Amino acid sequence: MRVSWAKRILLGIVALPIAEIFVFVAVAVEIGVVEAFLIQVACSLLGLILIRSAGRVRIARLRGALKDGVVRTAEFEGADFARLFAGILLVVPGFLTDALAALLLVPAARRLLAGILRRWLERQARAATGERVIDLDPDEWRVQEPGARGQEPGVGTQAPGVGTQRITRRPDRTSDPDA
């Protein structure tokens, strides 16, 4: 069953504060309530500083692009945008969002997260367009030369004129009366 985007966003809106409260209580038990609160205030102040520094550069570039009438995706990429988003996450109270913000500030982690996000977005785009990939185990397929007889039409074959070989799914061995 597929969950719609609205339900996922609603679940995130409900689950994040609950998780943040749970983590805050766990940290406060370990180091003390006042210390945990002071860490949150310091992180929020750091977030404001990051937003201010990254935001000025990003807003100036974005205004220039909007003035020219062309906004490219490059305007929303790069270290400045990651710093801006990390600052926003730091302003939001909670240790989980602070940890994610800290990851965004580390270049290697930022590249890793960008790769994960890119692959996820590509999968979503493929799913939206209907492009499908069927993975078969080695014992579930065989190569047939063009013009081979005995294959079921339309089952696991390539479109006519594509490639020189066809890959078909082997028949289920349990349903074969000769087996």
Protein backbone atom coordinates (compact mmCIF):
# COMPACT_ATOMS: atom_id res chain seq x y z
CA MET A 1 0.00 0.00 0.00
CA ARG A 2 1.40 3.38 -1.00
CA VAL A 3 1.15 6.25 1.43
CA SER A 4 0.36 9.64 -0.09
CA TRP A 5 2.67 12.62 0.35
CA ALA A 6 0.12 14.45 2.46
CA LYS A 7 -0.04 11.56 4.92
CA ARG A 8 3.76 11.35 5.11
CA ILE A 9 4.05 15.08 5.77
CA LEU A 10 1.33 14.89 8.42
CA LEU A 11 3.06 11.92 10.04
CA GLY A 12 6.36 13.84 10.05
CA ILE A 13 4.71 16.92 11.55
CA VAL A 14 3.29 14.78 14.35
CA ALA A 15 6.25 12.44 14.88
CA LEU A 16 9.13 14.95 14.87
CA PRO A 17 8.01 16.95 17.93
CA ILE A 18 7.30 13.74 19.84
CA ALA A 19 10.74 12.37 18.97
CA GLU A 20 12.40 15.71 19.82
CA ILE A 21 10.71 15.79 23.24
CA PHE A 22 11.76 12.22 23.91
CA VAL A 23 15.39 12.96 22.99
CA PHE A 24 15.39 16.23 24.96
CA VAL A 25 14.16 14.42 28.09
CA ALA A 26 16.81 11.70 27.63
CA VAL A 27 19.57 14.31 27.27
CA ALA A 28 18.21 16.37 30.17
CA VAL A 29 18.25 13.30 32.42
CA GLU A 30 21.92 12.72 31.56
CA ILE A 31 23.30 16.28 31.71
CA GLY A 32 20.61 18.29 33.45
CA VAL A 33 17.63 20.36 32.30
CA VAL A 34 19.40 23.73 32.47
CA GLU A 35 22.39 22.47 30.49
CA ALA A 36 20.16 20.88 27.84
CA PHE A 37 18.17 24.11 27.57
CA LEU A 38 21.36 26.18 27.24
CA ILE A 39 22.62 23.88 24.47
CA GLN A 40 19.35 24.43 22.61
CA VAL A 41 19.62 28.22 22.99
CA ALA A 42 23.24 28.16 21.78
CA CYS A 43 22.26 26.03 18.76
CA SER A 44 19.44 28.43 17.90
CA LEU A 45 21.81 31.40 18.07
CA LEU A 46 24.32 29.56 15.88
CA GLY A 47 21.48 28.84 13.45
CA LEU A 48 20.60 32.52 13.26
CA ILE A 49 24.24 33.38 12.52
CA LEU A 50 24.37 30.74 9.76
CA ILE A 51 21.11 31.95 8.22
CA ARG A 52 22.36 35.51 8.26
CA SER A 53 25.72 34.73 6.63
CA ALA A 54 24.47 32.22 4.07
CA GLY A 55 21.24 34.05 3.48
CA ARG A 56 22.86 37.30 2.41
CA VAL A 57 24.95 35.61 -0.25
CA ARG A 58 22.10 33.36 -1.43
CA ILE A 59 19.50 36.15 -1.50
CA ALA A 60 21.82 38.44 -3.46
CA ARG A 61 22.38 35.71 -6.08
CA LEU A 62 18.69 34.83 -6.20
CA ARG A 63 17.67 38.49 -6.62
CA GLY A 64 20.10 38.84 -9.49
CA ALA A 65 18.73 35.73 -11.16
CA LEU A 66 15.14 36.85 -10.66
CA LYS A 67 16.00 40.27 -12.09
CA ASP A 68 17.35 38.53 -15.19
CA GLY A 69 14.20 36.39 -15.30
CA VAL A 70 16.13 33.11 -15.16
CA VAL A 71 16.30 30.96 -12.05
CA ARG A 72 18.35 27.81 -12.54
CA THR A 73 18.53 24.85 -10.22
CA ALA A 74 22.13 25.89 -9.57
CA GLU A 75 20.70 28.83 -7.61
CA PHE A 76 19.38 26.33 -5.10
CA GLU A 77 22.43 24.07 -4.85
CA GLY A 78 25.81 24.25 -3.20
CA ALA A 79 27.32 24.89 0.16
CA ASP A 80 25.50 28.20 0.69
CA PHE A 81 22.12 26.54 0.40
CA ALA A 82 23.22 23.71 2.70
CA ARG A 83 24.44 26.28 5.23
CA LEU A 84 21.14 28.14 4.99
CA PHE A 85 19.12 24.96 5.49
CA ALA A 86 21.41 23.87 8.35
CA GLY A 87 20.80 27.26 9.98
CA ILE A 88 17.05 26.79 9.70
CA LEU A 89 17.35 23.33 11.25
CA LEU A 90 19.47 24.73 14.09
CA VAL A 91 16.86 27.38 14.87
CA VAL A 92 14.20 24.68 15.23
CA PRO A 93 14.50 23.50 18.83
CA GLY A 94 15.57 19.89 19.24
CA PHE A 95 18.60 17.67 19.23
CA LEU A 96 17.54 15.60 16.20
CA THR A 97 17.25 18.62 13.93
CA ASP A 98 20.55 19.91 15.36
CA ALA A 99 22.24 16.61 14.48
CA LEU A 100 20.90 16.78 10.91
CA ALA A 101 22.10 20.39 10.66
CA ALA A 102 25.56 19.35 11.83
CA LEU A 103 25.64 16.69 9.10
CA LEU A 104 24.77 19.32 6.49
CA LEU A 105 27.76 21.38 7.59
CA VAL A 106 30.25 18.54 6.95
CA PRO A 107 31.12 18.46 3.22
CA ALA A 108 31.52 14.67 2.99
CA ALA A 109 28.21 14.05 4.75
CA ARG A 110 26.56 16.71 2.59
CA ARG A 111 27.72 14.93 -0.58
CA LEU A 112 26.49 11.59 0.78
CA LEU A 113 23.08 13.03 1.68
CA ALA A 114 22.88 14.76 -1.72
CA GLY A 115 23.59 11.44 -3.47
CA ILE A 116 20.93 9.66 -1.43
CA LEU A 117 18.42 12.43 -2.15
CA ARG A 118 19.29 12.43 -5.87
CA ARG A 119 18.80 8.67 -6.17
CA TRP A 120 15.51 8.86 -4.27
CA LEU A 121 14.26 11.67 -6.53
CA GLU A 122 15.28 9.69 -9.63
CA ARG A 123 13.33 6.65 -8.36
CA GLN A 124 10.32 8.86 -7.70
CA ALA A 125 10.55 10.32 -11.21
CA ARG A 126 10.81 6.84 -12.75
CA ALA A 127 7.82 5.66 -10.73
CA ALA A 128 5.81 8.69 -11.86
CA THR A 129 6.60 8.07 -15.53
CA GLY A 130 5.86 4.36 -15.29
CA GLU A 131 9.40 3.20 -16.11
CA ARG A 132 9.90 -0.14 -14.40
CA VAL A 133 12.87 -2.44 -13.85
CA ILE A 134 12.30 -6.11 -13.13
CA ASP A 135 15.17 -7.86 -11.38
CA LEU A 136 15.37 -11.60 -11.99
CA ASP A 137 17.67 -14.16 -10.42
CA PRO A 138 20.07 -15.93 -12.81
CA ASP A 139 17.95 -19.08 -12.78
CA GLU A 140 14.82 -17.13 -13.76
CA TRP A 141 15.94 -16.00 -17.22
CA ARG A 142 17.66 -17.28 -20.33
CA VAL A 143 19.06 -15.69 -23.48
CA GLN A 144 17.33 -16.57 -26.74
CA GLU A 145 18.73 -15.84 -30.14
CA PRO A 146 16.52 -13.78 -32.46
CA GLY A 147 13.90 -15.87 -34.18
CA ALA A 148 13.91 -18.58 -31.50
CA ARG A 149 10.66 -20.51 -31.22
CA GLY A 150 8.70 -21.44 -28.15
CA GLN A 151 8.75 -18.21 -26.24
CA GLU A 152 5.62 -16.62 -24.94
CA PRO A 153 4.94 -13.37 -26.79
CA GLY A 154 5.28 -10.27 -24.65
CA VAL A 155 6.70 -11.99 -21.56
CA GLY A 156 10.12 -10.61 -20.73
CA THR A 157 11.03 -9.78 -24.31
CA GLN A 158 12.56 -6.60 -25.56
CA ALA A 159 10.75 -4.39 -28.00
CA PRO A 160 11.21 -5.46 -31.63
CA GLY A 161 14.36 -4.08 -33.17
CA VAL A 162 16.07 -3.43 -29.83
CA GLY A 163 19.29 -5.38 -29.37
CA THR A 164 20.17 -8.69 -30.92
CA GLN A 165 19.02 -11.02 -28.16
CA ARG A 166 15.84 -11.51 -26.21
CA ILE A 167 15.67 -12.24 -22.53
CA THR A 168 12.67 -14.27 -21.47
CA ARG A 169 11.50 -15.52 -18.13
CA ARG A 170 11.80 -19.24 -17.65
CA PRO A 171 8.53 -21.06 -17.08
CA ASP A 172 7.69 -21.90 -13.49
CA ARG A 173 9.09 -25.38 -12.81
CA THR A 174 6.31 -26.33 -10.39
CA SER A 175 3.58 -25.81 -12.99
CA ASP A 176 5.42 -27.78 -15.72
CA PRO A 177 3.79 -31.24 -16.04
CA ASP A 178 6.99 -32.72 -17.58
CA ALA A 179 9.13 -31.76 -14.58
